[in-house]
Every structure is written in C-alpha cells, then in structure tokens.
C-alpha atoms as a PDB file:
ATOM      1  CA  MET A   1      -0.055  -0.217   0.289  1.00  0.00           C
ATOM      2  CA  GLY A   2       2.416   2.000   1.144  1.00  0.00           C
ATOM      3  CA  ALA A   3       4.318   1.975  -2.962  1.00  0.00           C
ATOM      4  CA  ILE A   4       0.984   2.948  -4.480  1.00  0.00           C
ATOM      5  CA  LEU A   5       0.740   6.005  -2.070  1.00  0.00           C
ATOM      6  CA  ASP A   6       4.494   6.883  -3.121  1.00  0.00           C
ATOM      7  CA  LEU A   7       3.049   6.539  -6.702  1.00  0.00           C
ATOM      8  CA  VAL A   8       0.076   9.154  -6.057  1.00  0.00           C
ATOM      9  CA  GLU A   9       2.770  11.622  -4.842  1.00  0.00           C
ATOM     10  CA  LYS A  10       5.049  11.768  -7.810  1.00  0.00           C
ATOM     11  CA  MET A  11       1.991  12.033  -9.775  1.00  0.00           C
ATOM     12  CA  ARG A  12       0.992  14.907  -8.537  1.00  0.00           C
ATOM     13  CA  THR A  13       3.480  17.012  -9.166  1.00  0.00           C
ATOM     14  CA  PRO A  14       4.375  17.856 -12.841  1.00  0.00           C
ATOM     15  CA  THR A  15       7.529  15.644 -14.998  1.00  0.00           C
ATOM     16  CA  GLY A  16       4.767  13.006 -12.414  1.00  0.00           C
ATOM     17  CA  ILE A  17       2.005  13.735 -15.023  1.00  0.00           C
ATOM     18  CA  ILE A  18       3.700  13.687 -17.405  1.00  0.00           C
ATOM     19  CA  VAL A  19       5.267  10.737 -17.605  1.00  0.00           C
ATOM     20  CA  THR A  20       2.296   9.053 -16.486  1.00  0.00           C
ATOM     21  CA  ILE A  21       0.449  10.948 -19.571  1.00  0.00           C
ATOM     22  CA  LEU A  22       2.878   9.116 -21.792  1.00  0.00           C
ATOM     23  CA  ILE A  23       2.702   5.816 -20.529  1.00  0.00           C
ATOM     24  CA  ILE A  24      -0.731   5.942 -20.841  1.00  0.00           C
ATOM     25  CA  ALA A  25      -0.346   7.318 -24.708  1.00  0.00           C
ATOM     26  CA  VAL A  26       2.441   4.354 -24.867  1.00  0.00           C
ATOM     27  CA  GLY A  27      -0.499   1.787 -23.403  1.00  0.00           C
ATOM     28  CA  VAL A  28      -2.716   3.362 -25.708  1.00  0.00           C
ATOM     29  CA  PHE A  29      -0.923   2.552 -28.744  1.00  0.00           C
ATOM     30  CA  PHE A  30       0.223  -0.527 -28.225  1.00  0.00           C
ATOM     31  CA  VAL A  31      -3.483  -2.195 -26.747  1.00  0.00           C
ATOM     32  CA  ARG A  32      -4.108  -0.851 -30.633  1.00  0.00           C
ATOM     33  CA  TRP A  33      -1.427  -2.831 -32.933  1.00  0.00           C
ATOM     34  CA  VAL A  34      -2.100  -5.209 -31.025  1.00  0.00           C
ATOM     35  CA  PHE A  35      -5.318  -5.776 -32.329  1.00  0.00           C
ATOM     36  CA  ASN A  36      -5.146  -4.038 -35.752  1.00  0.00           C
ATOM     37  CA  ASP A  37      -2.199  -6.486 -35.805  1.00  0.00           C
ATOM     38  CA  GLN A  38      -4.626  -9.282 -35.249  1.00  0.00           C
ATOM     39  CA  ASP A  39      -7.055  -7.918 -37.959  1.00  0.00           C
ATOM     40  CA  ASN A  40      -5.384  -7.680 -40.777  1.00  0.00           C
ATOM     41  CA  ASN A  41      -4.012 -11.279 -40.681  1.00  0.00           C
ATOM     42  CA  PRO A  42      -7.288 -13.564 -40.849  1.00  0.00           C
ATOM     43  CA  GLN A  43      -6.284 -17.133 -39.919  1.00  0.00           C
ATOM     44  CA  PRO A  44      -8.091 -19.621 -42.899  1.00  0.00           C
END
C-alpha cells in the first residue's frame, strides 16, 4: 500500500503528470497495434 501512495505522490508533480500521460499513450498505442495486427491477419 505504501508503494502505491508513493507513486500517487510522484504523479502529482508536473514531471509525474507528463510521465503518466506518456505511459498511458504508449499503452494505448501498443494495445491498438496488437489488436490491429490480429484483425489484418485472419486465420484460415
């Protein structure tokens, strides 16, 4: 529980907000890339 609170405190700083947004953006693009790859290659 203490580690989660430490991460939340770091996210409240301006640098933490930027890092959090970047991590979310990378995650979204990765998920879209994985699902898009499956849709373009249908299995016979």
